[in-house]
PDB file of N, CA and C in Angstrom:
ATOM      1  N   MET A   1       6.877   6.123  28.496  1.00  0.00           N
ATOM      2  CA  MET A   1       7.100   6.443  27.141  1.00  0.00           C
ATOM      3  C   MET A   1       7.399   7.903  27.029  1.00  0.00           C
ATOM      4  N   SER A   2       8.268   8.334  26.081  1.00  0.00           N
ATOM      5  CA  SER A   2       8.634   9.757  25.982  1.00  0.00           C
ATOM      6  C   SER A   2       8.294  10.236  24.589  1.00  0.00           C
ATOM      7  N   ILE A   3       8.336  11.491  24.428  1.00  0.00           N
ATOM      8  CA  ILE A   3       8.118  12.268  23.161  1.00  0.00           C
ATOM      9  C   ILE A   3       9.024  11.670  22.029  1.00  0.00           C
ATOM     10  N   GLU A   4      10.222  11.182  22.340  1.00  0.00           N
ATOM     11  CA  GLU A   4      11.117  10.649  21.355  1.00  0.00           C
ATOM     12  C   GLU A   4      10.521   9.396  20.628  1.00  0.00           C
ATOM     13  N   GLN A   5       9.578   8.698  21.115  1.00  0.00           N
ATOM     14  CA  GLN A   5       8.920   7.581  20.501  1.00  0.00           C
ATOM     15  C   GLN A   5       7.939   7.926  19.384  1.00  0.00           C
ATOM     16  N   ILE A   6       7.569   9.166  19.270  1.00  0.00           N
ATOM     17  CA  ILE A   6       6.673   9.665  18.301  1.00  0.00           C
ATOM     18  C   ILE A   6       7.370   9.632  16.954  1.00  0.00           C
ATOM     19  N   VAL A   7       6.777   8.959  15.937  1.00  0.00           N
ATOM     20  CA  VAL A   7       7.326   8.840  14.660  1.00  0.00           C
ATOM     21  C   VAL A   7       6.869   9.954  13.727  1.00  0.00           C
ATOM     22  N   ASP A   8       7.792  10.772  13.317  1.00  0.00           N
ATOM     23  CA  ASP A   8       7.517  11.924  12.436  1.00  0.00           C
ATOM     24  C   ASP A   8       7.920  11.492  10.991  1.00  0.00           C
ATOM     25  N   PHE A   9       7.017  11.470  10.131  1.00  0.00           N
ATOM     26  CA  PHE A   9       7.351  11.057   8.758  1.00  0.00           C
ATOM     27  C   PHE A   9       8.335  12.004   8.099  1.00  0.00           C
ATOM     28  N   ALA A  10       8.299  13.216   8.476  1.00  0.00           N
ATOM     29  CA  ALA A  10       9.202  14.198   7.786  1.00  0.00           C
ATOM     30  C   ALA A  10      10.699  13.975   8.186  1.00  0.00           C
ATOM     31  N   THR A  11      10.915  13.302   9.312  1.00  0.00           N
ATOM     32  CA  THR A  11      12.309  13.048   9.773  1.00  0.00           C
ATOM     33  C   THR A  11      12.642  11.556   9.820  1.00  0.00           C
ATOM     34  N   ALA A  12      11.673  10.717   9.524  1.00  0.00           N
ATOM     35  CA  ALA A  12      11.913   9.259   9.633  1.00  0.00           C
ATOM     36  C   ALA A  12      12.984   8.862   8.581  1.00  0.00           C
ATOM     37  N   SER A  13      13.834   8.015   9.044  1.00  0.00           N
ATOM     38  CA  SER A  13      14.958   7.537   8.146  1.00  0.00           C
ATOM     39  C   SER A  13      14.857   6.120   7.712  1.00  0.00           C
ATOM     40  N   SER A  14      13.651   5.612   7.537  1.00  0.00           N
ATOM     41  CA  SER A  14      13.451   4.243   7.192  1.00  0.00           C
ATOM     42  C   SER A  14      14.122   3.927   5.795  1.00  0.00           C
ATOM     43  N   THR A  15      14.730   2.769   5.775  1.00  0.00           N
ATOM     44  CA  THR A  15      15.384   2.331   4.477  1.00  0.00           C
ATOM     45  C   THR A  15      14.313   1.782   3.569  1.00  0.00           C
ATOM     46  N   PRO A  16      14.288   2.149   2.270  1.00  0.00           N
ATOM     47  CA  PRO A  16      13.245   1.607   1.412  1.00  0.00           C
ATOM     48  C   PRO A  16      13.560   0.173   1.142  1.00  0.00           C
ATOM     49  N   ASP A  17      12.506  -0.582   0.922  1.00  0.00           N
ATOM     50  CA  ASP A  17      12.492  -1.988   0.577  1.00  0.00           C
ATOM     51  C   ASP A  17      11.922  -2.029  -0.896  1.00  0.00           C
ATOM     52  N   HIS A  18      12.803  -2.277  -1.859  1.00  0.00           N
ATOM     53  CA  HIS A  18      12.404  -2.289  -3.277  1.00  0.00           C
ATOM     54  C   HIS A  18      12.067  -3.730  -3.722  1.00  0.00           C
ATOM     55  N   TYR A  19      10.916  -3.835  -4.415  1.00  0.00           N
ATOM     56  CA  TYR A  19      10.503  -5.176  -4.864  1.00  0.00           C
ATOM     57  C   TYR A  19       9.544  -5.048  -6.063  1.00  0.00           C
ATOM     58  N   ARG A  20       9.125  -6.221  -6.627  1.00  0.00           N
ATOM     59  CA  ARG A  20       8.153  -6.305  -7.642  1.00  0.00           C
ATOM     60  C   ARG A  20       7.236  -7.405  -7.193  1.00  0.00           C
ATOM     61  N   PRO A  21       5.920  -7.328  -7.705  1.00  0.00           N
ATOM     62  CA  PRO A  21       5.007  -8.377  -7.410  1.00  0.00           C
ATOM     63  C   PRO A  21       5.607  -9.668  -8.038  1.00  0.00           C
ATOM     64  N   ALA A  22       5.209 -10.797  -7.488  1.00  0.00           N
ATOM     65  CA  ALA A  22       5.552 -12.140  -8.093  1.00  0.00           C
ATOM     66  C   ALA A  22       5.094 -12.125  -9.562  1.00  0.00           C
ATOM     67  N   ALA A  23       5.837 -12.672 -10.476  1.00  0.00           N
ATOM     68  CA  ALA A  23       5.727 -12.596 -11.867  1.00  0.00           C
ATOM     69  C   ALA A  23       4.373 -13.180 -12.239  1.00  0.00           C
ATOM     70  N   GLU A  24       3.830 -14.180 -11.543  1.00  0.00           N
ATOM     71  CA  GLU A  24       2.506 -14.696 -11.914  1.00  0.00           C
ATOM     72  C   GLU A  24       1.374 -13.759 -11.581  1.00  0.00           C
ATOM     73  N   LYS A  25       1.594 -12.692 -10.705  1.00  0.00           N
ATOM     74  CA  LYS A  25       0.566 -11.712 -10.397  1.00  0.00           C
ATOM     75  C   LYS A  25       0.525 -10.517 -11.326  1.00  0.00           C
ATOM     76  N   VAL A  26       1.618 -10.268 -12.059  1.00  0.00           N
ATOM     77  CA  VAL A  26       1.737  -9.170 -12.934  1.00  0.00           C
ATOM     78  C   VAL A  26       0.906  -9.389 -14.195  1.00  0.00           C
ATOM     79  N   LEU A  27       0.002  -8.463 -14.512  1.00  0.00           N
ATOM     80  CA  LEU A  27      -0.877  -8.520 -15.670  1.00  0.00           C
ATOM     81  C   LEU A  27      -0.440  -7.664 -16.839  1.00  0.00           C
ATOM     82  N   LYS A  28       0.249  -6.544 -16.403  1.00  0.00           N
ATOM     83  CA  LYS A  28       0.925  -5.712 -17.412  1.00  0.00           C
ATOM     84  C   LYS A  28       1.912  -4.772 -16.851  1.00  0.00           C
ATOM     85  N   GLY A  29       2.823  -4.336 -17.617  1.00  0.00           N
ATOM     86  CA  GLY A  29       3.909  -3.469 -17.219  1.00  0.00           C
ATOM     87  C   GLY A  29       5.020  -4.130 -16.434  1.00  0.00           C
ATOM     88  N   ASP A  30       5.786  -3.277 -15.778  1.00  0.00           N
ATOM     89  CA  ASP A  30       6.816  -3.764 -14.813  1.00  0.00           C
ATOM     90  C   ASP A  30       6.663  -2.904 -13.580  1.00  0.00           C
ATOM     91  N   PRO A  31       5.701  -3.280 -12.730  1.00  0.00           N
ATOM     92  CA  PRO A  31       5.407  -2.421 -11.621  1.00  0.00           C
ATOM     93  C   PRO A  31       6.427  -2.545 -10.417  1.00  0.00           C
ATOM     94  N   ALA A  32       7.552  -1.960 -10.657  1.00  0.00           N
ATOM     95  CA  ALA A  32       8.519  -1.772  -9.512  1.00  0.00           C
ATOM     96  C   ALA A  32       7.879  -1.068  -8.406  1.00  0.00           C
ATOM     97  N   GLN A  33       8.130  -1.441  -7.145  1.00  0.00           N
ATOM     98  CA  GLN A  33       7.499  -0.811  -5.979  1.00  0.00           C
ATOM     99  C   GLN A  33       8.556  -0.677  -4.895  1.00  0.00           C
ATOM    100  N   SER A  34       8.279   0.288  -3.968  1.00  0.00           N
ATOM    101  CA  SER A  34       9.102   0.461  -2.788  1.00  0.00           C
ATOM    102  C   SER A  34       8.194   0.738  -1.593  1.00  0.00           C
ATOM    103  N   VAL A  35       8.640   0.315  -0.424  1.00  0.00           N
ATOM    104  CA  VAL A  35       7.937   0.636   0.809  1.00  0.00           C
ATOM    105  C   VAL A  35       8.952   1.083   1.822  1.00  0.00           C
ATOM    106  N   ARG A  36       8.538   2.127   2.550  1.00  0.00           N
ATOM    107  CA  ARG A  36       9.264   2.599   3.727  1.00  0.00           C
ATOM    108  C   ARG A  36       8.388   2.448   4.992  1.00  0.00           C
ATOM    109  N   ASN A  37       8.604   1.432   5.727  1.00  0.00           N
ATOM    110  CA  ASN A  37       7.789   1.173   6.884  1.00  0.00           C
ATOM    111  C   ASN A  37       8.402   1.944   8.005  1.00  0.00           C
ATOM    112  N   HIS A  38       7.683   3.091   8.353  1.00  0.00           N
ATOM    113  CA  HIS A  38       8.139   3.976   9.320  1.00  0.00           C
ATOM    114  C   HIS A  38       7.789   3.529  10.793  1.00  0.00           C
ATOM    115  N   TYR A  39       6.752   2.603  10.916  1.00  0.00           N
ATOM    116  CA  TYR A  39       6.484   2.237  12.285  1.00  0.00           C
ATOM    117  C   TYR A  39       5.872   0.788  12.157  1.00  0.00           C
ATOM    118  N   ALA A  40       6.287  -0.089  13.080  1.00  0.00           N
ATOM    119  CA  ALA A  40       5.744  -1.431  13.335  1.00  0.00           C
ATOM    120  C   ALA A  40       5.436  -1.606  14.759  1.00  0.00           C
ATOM    121  N   SER A  41       4.287  -1.925  15.107  1.00  0.00           N
ATOM    122  CA  SER A  41       3.947  -2.124  16.566  1.00  0.00           C
ATOM    123  C   SER A  41       4.732  -3.331  17.059  1.00  0.00           C
ATOM    124  N   PRO A  42       4.853  -3.363  18.377  1.00  0.00           N
ATOM    125  CA  PRO A  42       5.607  -4.542  18.960  1.00  0.00           C
ATOM    126  C   PRO A  42       5.030  -5.875  18.547  1.00  0.00           C
ATOM    127  N   CYS A  43       3.675  -5.972  18.428  1.00  0.00           N
ATOM    128  CA  CYS A  43       3.093  -7.251  18.010  1.00  0.00           C
ATOM    129  C   CYS A  43       3.165  -7.495  16.515  1.00  0.00           C
ATOM    130  N   ASN A  44       3.658  -6.414  15.755  1.00  0.00           N
ATOM    131  CA  ASN A  44       3.802  -6.551  14.360  1.00  0.00           C
ATOM    132  C   ASN A  44       2.487  -6.672  13.536  1.00  0.00           C
ATOM    133  N   GLN A  45       1.367  -6.287  14.192  1.00  0.00           N
ATOM    134  CA  GLN A  45       0.078  -6.433  13.508  1.00  0.00           C
ATOM    135  C   GLN A  45      -0.333  -5.078  12.964  1.00  0.00           C
ATOM    136  N   PHE A  46       0.324  -4.007  13.334  1.00  0.00           N
ATOM    137  CA  PHE A  46       0.071  -2.588  12.863  1.00  0.00           C
ATOM    138  C   PHE A  46       1.288  -2.006  12.253  1.00  0.00           C
ATOM    139  N   ASN A  47       1.245  -1.534  11.041  1.00  0.00           N
ATOM    140  CA  ASN A  47       2.285  -0.937  10.355  1.00  0.00           C
ATOM    141  C   ASN A  47       1.866   0.334   9.610  1.00  0.00           C
ATOM    142  N   VAL A  48       2.833   1.222   9.545  1.00  0.00           N
ATOM    143  CA  VAL A  48       2.544   2.553   8.828  1.00  0.00           C
ATOM    144  C   VAL A  48       3.762   3.005   8.137  1.00  0.00           C
ATOM    145  N   GLY A  49       3.534   3.505   6.870  1.00  0.00           N
ATOM    146  CA  GLY A  49       4.628   4.037   6.090  1.00  0.00           C
ATOM    147  C   GLY A  49       4.197   4.587   4.808  1.00  0.00           C
ATOM    148  N   ILE A  50       5.149   4.619   3.838  1.00  0.00           N
ATOM    149  CA  ILE A  50       4.986   5.208   2.518  1.00  0.00           C
ATOM    150  C   ILE A  50       5.218   4.087   1.543  1.00  0.00           C
ATOM    151  N   TRP A  51       4.302   3.916   0.525  1.00  0.00           N
ATOM    152  CA  TRP A  51       4.468   2.959  -0.542  1.00  0.00           C
ATOM    153  C   TRP A  51       4.525   3.843  -1.894  1.00  0.00           C
ATOM    154  N   GLU A  52       5.378   3.370  -2.850  1.00  0.00           N
ATOM    155  CA  GLU A  52       5.397   3.949  -4.073  1.00  0.00           C
ATOM    156  C   GLU A  52       5.343   2.863  -5.187  1.00  0.00           C
ATOM    157  N   GLY A  53       4.679   3.042  -6.254  1.00  0.00           N
ATOM    158  CA  GLY A  53       4.596   2.085  -7.333  1.00  0.00           C
ATOM    159  C   GLY A  53       4.711   2.689  -8.692  1.00  0.00           C
ATOM    160  N   ASP A  54       5.396   1.996  -9.596  1.00  0.00           N
ATOM    161  CA  ASP A  54       5.451   2.371 -10.967  1.00  0.00           C
ATOM    162  C   ASP A  54       4.309   1.784 -11.846  1.00  0.00           C
ATOM    163  N   ILE A  55       4.188   2.244 -13.069  1.00  0.00           N
ATOM    164  CA  ILE A  55       3.117   1.931 -13.900  1.00  0.00           C
ATOM    165  C   ILE A  55       3.090   0.418 -14.187  1.00  0.00           C
ATOM    166  N   GLY A  56       1.893  -0.195 -14.097  1.00  0.00           N
ATOM    167  CA  GLY A  56       1.702  -1.578 -14.207  1.00  0.00           C
ATOM    168  C   GLY A  56       0.424  -1.994 -13.566  1.00  0.00           C
ATOM    169  N   GLN A  57       0.109  -3.314 -13.743  1.00  0.00           N
ATOM    170  CA  GLN A  57      -1.130  -3.894 -13.158  1.00  0.00           C
ATOM    171  C   GLN A  57      -0.760  -5.251 -12.569  1.00  0.00           C
ATOM    172  N   TRP A  58      -1.366  -5.572 -11.368  1.00  0.00           N
ATOM    173  CA  TRP A  58      -1.146  -6.889 -10.762  1.00  0.00           C
ATOM    174  C   TRP A  58      -2.259  -7.257  -9.906  1.00  0.00           C
ATOM    175  N   THR A  59      -2.467  -8.591  -9.665  1.00  0.00           N
ATOM    176  CA  THR A  59      -3.514  -9.099  -8.870  1.00  0.00           C
ATOM    177  C   THR A  59      -3.173  -8.853  -7.410  1.00  0.00           C
ATOM    178  N   ILE A  60      -4.228  -8.646  -6.569  1.00  0.00           N
ATOM    179  CA  ILE A  60      -4.068  -8.400  -5.171  1.00  0.00           C
ATOM    180  C   ILE A  60      -5.050  -9.245  -4.397  1.00  0.00           C
ATOM    181  N   HIS A  61      -4.635  -9.632  -3.157  1.00  0.00           N
ATOM    182  CA  HIS A  61      -5.593 -10.320  -2.245  1.00  0.00           C
ATOM    183  C   HIS A  61      -5.145  -9.810  -0.865  1.00  0.00           C
ATOM    184  N   TYR A  62      -6.063  -9.104  -0.295  1.00  0.00           N
ATOM    185  CA  TYR A  62      -5.770  -8.533   1.040  1.00  0.00           C
ATOM    186  C   TYR A  62      -6.115  -9.354   2.225  1.00  0.00           C
ATOM    187  N   THR A  63      -5.140  -9.729   3.006  1.00  0.00           N
ATOM    188  CA  THR A  63      -5.403 -10.445   4.280  1.00  0.00           C
ATOM    189  C   THR A  63      -5.390  -9.460   5.414  1.00  0.00           C
ATOM    190  N   GLU A  64      -4.983  -8.191   5.111  1.00  0.00           N
ATOM    191  CA  GLU A  64      -4.869  -7.089   6.125  1.00  0.00           C
ATOM    192  C   GLU A  64      -5.921  -6.018   5.802  1.00  0.00           C
ATOM    193  N   HIS A  65      -6.276  -5.188   6.770  1.00  0.00           N
ATOM    194  CA  HIS A  65      -7.134  -4.042   6.573  1.00  0.00           C
ATOM    195  C   HIS A  65      -6.091  -2.894   6.291  1.00  0.00           C
ATOM    196  N   GLU A  66      -6.336  -2.093   5.306  1.00  0.00           N
ATOM    197  CA  GLU A  66      -5.427  -1.036   4.945  1.00  0.00           C
ATOM    198  C   GLU A  66      -6.184   0.276   4.615  1.00  0.00           C
ATOM    199  N   TYR A  67      -5.716   1.332   5.374  1.00  0.00           N
ATOM    200  CA  TYR A  67      -6.099   2.666   5.125  1.00  0.00           C
ATOM    201  C   TYR A  67      -4.996   3.262   4.161  1.00  0.00           C
ATOM    202  N   CYS A  68      -5.510   3.938   3.137  1.00  0.00           N
ATOM    203  CA  CYS A  68      -4.616   4.535   2.113  1.00  0.00           C
ATOM    204  C   CYS A  68      -4.889   5.986   1.947  1.00  0.00           C
ATOM    205  N   GLU A  69      -3.885   6.784   1.812  1.00  0.00           N
ATOM    206  CA  GLU A  69      -4.090   8.226   1.388  1.00  0.00           C
ATOM    207  C   GLU A  69      -3.083   8.372   0.247  1.00  0.00           C
ATOM    208  N   ILE A  70      -3.623   8.680  -0.953  1.00  0.00           N
ATOM    209  CA  ILE A  70      -2.876   8.935  -2.101  1.00  0.00           C
ATOM    210  C   ILE A  70      -2.234  10.270  -2.109  1.00  0.00           C
ATOM    211  N   LEU A  71      -0.868  10.309  -2.126  1.00  0.00           N
ATOM    212  CA  LEU A  71      -0.142  11.627  -2.146  1.00  0.00           C
ATOM    213  C   LEU A  71       0.093  12.147  -3.547  1.00  0.00           C
ATOM    214  N   HIS A  72       0.372  11.271  -4.470  1.00  0.00           N
ATOM    215  CA  HIS A  72       0.428  11.741  -5.920  1.00  0.00           C
ATOM    216  C   HIS A  72       0.268  10.474  -6.815  1.00  0.00           C
ATOM    217  N   GLY A  73      -0.109  10.817  -8.051  1.00  0.00           N
ATOM    218  CA  GLY A  73      -0.289   9.702  -9.034  1.00  0.00           C
ATOM    219  C   GLY A  73      -1.772   9.302  -9.141  1.00  0.00           C
ATOM    220  N   VAL A  74      -2.006   8.309 -10.003  1.00  0.00           N
ATOM    221  CA  VAL A  74      -3.338   7.802 -10.328  1.00  0.00           C
ATOM    222  C   VAL A  74      -3.262   6.215 -10.392  1.00  0.00           C
ATOM    223  N   SER A  75      -4.137   5.669  -9.618  1.00  0.00           N
ATOM    224  CA  SER A  75      -4.279   4.155  -9.724  1.00  0.00           C
ATOM    225  C   SER A  75      -5.713   3.763  -9.899  1.00  0.00           C
ATOM    226  N   VAL A  76      -5.958   2.518 -10.369  1.00  0.00           N
ATOM    227  CA  VAL A  76      -7.303   2.058 -10.528  1.00  0.00           C
ATOM    228  C   VAL A  76      -7.408   0.741  -9.784  1.00  0.00           C
ATOM    229  N   LEU A  77      -8.280   0.560  -8.861  1.00  0.00           N
ATOM    230  CA  LEU A  77      -8.628  -0.651  -8.134  1.00  0.00           C
ATOM    231  C   LEU A  77      -9.730  -1.328  -8.806  1.00  0.00           C
ATOM    232  N   ARG A  78      -9.705  -2.627  -9.035  1.00  0.00           N
ATOM    233  CA  ARG A  78     -10.764  -3.346  -9.633  1.00  0.00           C
ATOM    234  C   ARG A  78     -11.057  -4.700  -8.764  1.00  0.00           C
ATOM    235  N   ASP A  79     -12.384  -4.815  -8.501  1.00  0.00           N
ATOM    236  CA  ASP A  79     -12.749  -6.078  -7.783  1.00  0.00           C
ATOM    237  C   ASP A  79     -12.825  -7.261  -8.783  1.00  0.00           C
ATOM    238  N   GLN A  80     -13.103  -8.371  -8.236  1.00  0.00           N
ATOM    239  CA  GLN A  80     -13.190  -9.695  -9.094  1.00  0.00           C
ATOM    240  C   GLN A  80     -14.278  -9.633 -10.166  1.00  0.00           C
ATOM    241  N   ASP A  81     -15.279  -8.773  -9.971  1.00  0.00           N
ATOM    242  CA  ASP A  81     -16.328  -8.572 -10.988  1.00  0.00           C
ATOM    243  C   ASP A  81     -15.974  -7.574 -11.998  1.00  0.00           C
ATOM    244  N   GLY A  82     -14.868  -6.915 -11.924  1.00  0.00           N
ATOM    245  CA  GLY A  82     -14.481  -5.859 -12.846  1.00  0.00           C
ATOM    246  C   GLY A  82     -14.888  -4.478 -12.505  1.00  0.00           C
ATOM    247  N   ASN A  83     -15.608  -4.291 -11.400  1.00  0.00           N
ATOM    248  CA  ASN A  83     -16.006  -2.858 -10.896  1.00  0.00           C
ATOM    249  C   ASN A  83     -14.726  -2.182 -10.590  1.00  0.00           C
ATOM    250  N   ALA A  84     -14.659  -0.951 -10.987  1.00  0.00           N
ATOM    251  CA  ALA A  84     -13.456  -0.112 -10.866  1.00  0.00           C
ATOM    252  C   ALA A  84     -13.655   1.103 -10.074  1.00  0.00           C
ATOM    253  N   LYS A  85     -12.592   1.510  -9.358  1.00  0.00           N
ATOM    254  CA  LYS A  85     -12.477   2.717  -8.533  1.00  0.00           C
ATOM    255  C   LYS A  85     -11.185   3.376  -8.834  1.00  0.00           C
ATOM    256  N   THR A  86     -11.191   4.605  -9.332  1.00  0.00           N
ATOM    257  CA  THR A  86      -9.985   5.354  -9.670  1.00  0.00           C
ATOM    258  C   THR A  86      -9.673   6.199  -8.459  1.00  0.00           C
ATOM    259  N   VAL A  87      -8.404   6.167  -8.025  1.00  0.00           N
ATOM    260  CA  VAL A  87      -7.930   6.912  -6.927  1.00  0.00           C
ATOM    261  C   VAL A  87      -6.777   7.771  -7.340  1.00  0.00           C
ATOM    262  N   ARG A  88      -6.796   9.022  -6.786  1.00  0.00           N
ATOM    263  CA  ARG A  88      -5.704   9.991  -7.137  1.00  0.00           C
ATOM    264  C   ARG A  88      -5.357  10.799  -5.956  1.00  0.00           C
ATOM    265  N   ALA A  89      -4.324  11.719  -6.093  1.00  0.00           N
ATOM    266  CA  ALA A  89      -3.868  12.526  -4.994  1.00  0.00           C
ATOM    267  C   ALA A  89      -4.970  13.115  -4.274  1.00  0.00           C
ATOM    268  N   GLY A  90      -4.987  13.023  -2.936  1.00  0.00           N
ATOM    269  CA  GLY A  90      -5.930  13.569  -1.951  1.00  0.00           C
ATOM    270  C   GLY A  90      -7.079  12.517  -1.574  1.00  0.00           C
ATOM    271  N   ASP A  91      -7.129  11.415  -2.330  1.00  0.00           N
ATOM    272  CA  ASP A  91      -8.233  10.374  -1.948  1.00  0.00           C
ATOM    273  C   ASP A  91      -7.678   9.647  -0.821  1.00  0.00           C
ATOM    274  N   ARG A  92      -8.656   9.336   0.139  1.00  0.00           N
ATOM    275  CA  ARG A  92      -8.448   8.525   1.407  1.00  0.00           C
ATOM    276  C   ARG A  92      -9.473   7.473   1.411  1.00  0.00           C
ATOM    277  N   PHE A  93      -9.033   6.230   1.616  1.00  0.00           N
ATOM    278  CA  PHE A  93     -10.029   5.040   1.572  1.00  0.00           C
ATOM    279  C   PHE A  93      -9.432   3.923   2.351  1.00  0.00           C
ATOM    280  N   VAL A  94     -10.322   2.880   2.679  1.00  0.00           N
ATOM    281  CA  VAL A  94      -9.860   1.730   3.318  1.00  0.00           C
ATOM    282  C   VAL A  94     -10.161   0.488   2.485  1.00  0.00           C
ATOM    283  N   ILE A  95      -9.189  -0.371   2.322  1.00  0.00           N
ATOM    284  CA  ILE A  95      -9.391  -1.669   1.686  1.00  0.00           C
ATOM    285  C   ILE A  95      -9.563  -2.682   2.789  1.00  0.00           C
ATOM    286  N   PRO A  96     -10.766  -3.301   2.917  1.00  0.00           N
ATOM    287  CA  PRO A  96     -10.908  -4.299   4.028  1.00  0.00           C
ATOM    288  C   PRO A  96     -10.164  -5.596   3.746  1.00  0.00           C
ATOM    289  N   ALA A  97      -9.841  -6.350   4.765  1.00  0.00           N
ATOM    290  CA  ALA A  97      -9.353  -7.682   4.596  1.00  0.00           C
ATOM    291  C   ALA A  97     -10.219  -8.494   3.854  1.00  0.00           C
ATOM    292  N   GLY A  98      -9.816  -9.373   2.920  1.00  0.00           N
ATOM    293  CA  GLY A  98     -10.595 -10.237   2.088  1.00  0.00           C
ATOM    294  C   GLY A  98     -10.797  -9.661   0.693  1.00  0.00           C
ATOM    295  N   PHE A  99     -10.388  -8.376   0.429  1.00  0.00           N
ATOM    296  CA  PHE A  99     -10.647  -7.786  -0.961  1.00  0.00           C
ATOM    297  C   PHE A  99      -9.620  -8.551  -1.891  1.00  0.00           C
ATOM    298  N   THR A 100     -10.206  -8.934  -3.047  1.00  0.00           N
ATOM    299  CA  THR A 100      -9.443  -9.547  -4.144  1.00  0.00           C
ATOM    300  C   THR A 100      -9.790  -8.865  -5.397  1.00  0.00           C
ATOM    301  N   GLY A 101      -8.749  -8.635  -6.214  1.00  0.00           N
ATOM    302  CA  GLY A 101      -8.981  -8.011  -7.482  1.00  0.00           C
ATOM    303  C   GLY A 101      -7.655  -7.643  -8.086  1.00  0.00           C
ATOM    304  N   THR A 102      -7.529  -6.352  -8.642  1.00  0.00           N
ATOM    305  CA  THR A 102      -6.255  -5.908  -9.226  1.00  0.00           C
ATOM    306  C   THR A 102      -5.974  -4.471  -8.836  1.00  0.00           C
ATOM    307  N   TRP A 103      -4.737  -4.149  -8.836  1.00  0.00           N
ATOM    308  CA  TRP A 103      -4.252  -2.781  -8.573  1.00  0.00           C
ATOM    309  C   TRP A 103      -3.536  -2.394  -9.851  1.00  0.00           C
ATOM    310  N   GLU A 104      -3.920  -1.212 -10.478  1.00  0.00           N
ATOM    311  CA  GLU A 104      -3.240  -0.742 -11.704  1.00  0.00           C
ATOM    312  C   GLU A 104      -2.820   0.690 -11.433  1.00  0.00           C
ATOM    313  N   VAL A 105      -1.465   0.922 -11.599  1.00  0.00           N
ATOM    314  CA  VAL A 105      -0.970   2.287 -11.547  1.00  0.00           C
ATOM    315  C   VAL A 105      -0.855   2.832 -12.957  1.00  0.00           C
ATOM    316  N   LEU A 106      -1.555   3.944 -13.165  1.00  0.00           N
ATOM    317  CA  LEU A 106      -1.729   4.643 -14.397  1.00  0.00           C
ATOM    318  C   LEU A 106      -0.691   5.766 -14.481  1.00  0.00           C
ATOM    319  N   GLU A 107      -0.330   6.373 -13.313  1.00  0.00           N
ATOM    320  CA  GLU A 107       0.660   7.361 -13.263  1.00  0.00           C
ATOM    321  C   GLU A 107       1.424   6.973 -11.952  1.00  0.00           C
ATOM    322  N   PRO A 108       2.806   7.124 -11.962  1.00  0.00           N
ATOM    323  CA  PRO A 108       3.482   6.663 -10.772  1.00  0.00           C
ATOM    324  C   PRO A 108       2.880   7.219  -9.523  1.00  0.00           C
ATOM    325  N   CYS A 109       2.707   6.341  -8.495  1.00  0.00           N
ATOM    326  CA  CYS A 109       1.822   6.564  -7.387  1.00  0.00           C
ATOM    327  C   CYS A 109       2.616   6.491  -6.045  1.00  0.00           C
ATOM    328  N   ARG A 110       2.157   7.389  -5.161  1.00  0.00           N
ATOM    329  CA  ARG A 110       2.716   7.338  -3.801  1.00  0.00           C
ATOM    330  C   ARG A 110       1.655   7.437  -2.818  1.00  0.00           C
ATOM    331  N   LYS A 111       1.695   6.646  -1.760  1.00  0.00           N
ATOM    332  CA  LYS A 111       0.670   6.709  -0.719  1.00  0.00           C
ATOM    333  C   LYS A 111       1.151   6.504   0.664  1.00  0.00           C
ATOM    334  N   VAL A 112       0.401   6.986   1.583  1.00  0.00           N
ATOM    335  CA  VAL A 112       0.564   6.707   3.007  1.00  0.00           C
ATOM    336  C   VAL A 112      -0.238   5.455   3.262  1.00  0.00           C
ATOM    337  N   TYR A 113       0.280   4.499   3.945  1.00  0.00           N
ATOM    338  CA  TYR A 113      -0.538   3.311   4.346  1.00  0.00           C
ATOM    339  C   TYR A 113      -0.512   3.089   5.797  1.00  0.00           C
ATOM    340  N   VAL A 114      -1.639   2.560   6.293  1.00  0.00           N
ATOM    341  CA  VAL A 114      -1.832   2.122   7.621  1.00  0.00           C
ATOM    342  C   VAL A 114      -2.395   0.858   7.581  1.00  0.00           C
ATOM    343  N   ILE A 115      -1.646  -0.220   8.056  1.00  0.00           N
ATOM    344  CA  ILE A 115      -2.128  -1.586   7.960  1.00  0.00           C
ATOM    345  C   ILE A 115      -2.336  -2.216   9.275  1.00  0.00           C
ATOM    346  N   PHE A 116      -3.420  -2.893   9.426  1.00  0.00           N
ATOM    347  CA  PHE A 116      -3.700  -3.786  10.584  1.00  0.00           C
ATOM    348  C   PHE A 116      -3.913  -5.181  10.073  1.00  0.00           C
ATOM    349  N   GLU A 117      -3.125  -6.070  10.485  1.00  0.00           N
ATOM    350  CA  GLU A 117      -3.287  -7.582  10.102  1.00  0.00           C
ATOM    351  C   GLU A 117      -3.594  -8.332  11.400  1.00  0.00           C
ATOM    352  N   GLN A 118      -4.805  -8.850  11.437  1.00  0.00           N
ATOM    353  CA  GLN A 118      -5.180  -9.604  12.654  1.00  0.00           C
ATOM    354  C   GLN A 118      -4.302 -10.902  12.897  1.00  0.00           C
ATOM    355  N   ALA A 119      -3.913 -11.117  14.043  1.00  0.00           N
ATOM    356  CA  ALA A 119      -3.146 -12.266  14.334  1.00  0.00           C
ATOM    357  C   ALA A 119      -3.907 -13.554  14.073  1.00  0.00           C
ATOM    358  N   ALA A 120      -3.264 -14.570  13.523  1.00  0.00           N
ATOM    359  CA  ALA A 120      -3.886 -15.912  13.331  1.00  0.00           C
ATOM    360  C   ALA A 120      -4.320 -16.540  14.679  1.00  0.00           C
ATOM    361  N   ASP A 121      -5.450 -17.138  14.680  1.00  0.00           N
ATOM    362  CA  ASP A 121      -6.022 -17.803  15.862  1.00  0.00           C
ATOM    363  C   ASP A 121      -5.198 -19.004  16.285  1.00  0.00           C
TER     364      ASP A 121
END
């Protein structure tokens, strides 16, 4: 393996994938989103990139483990019991697989994500 395989986010030319959560998951707003997946491991269980989301709120259920680093904007994560955590630029955190709740973007948000999804048995 050579130095050329190192993925530099500053020069990565990943094409953005634009999408919206499924209509039945949207609780408010029109949360258009995009993702630029800069790296996928050969087994496709490990992915790294940049996510961006517009103002809105939708339900989430994580089957993957995700490390997040908020680059700009403000979001609120809520669990099934309504407990809330506000995240903003500079915050770093992990959402474990199995987390269910909502994600609400209060100010357009951009984050680095690192995802690990365990293979099915």
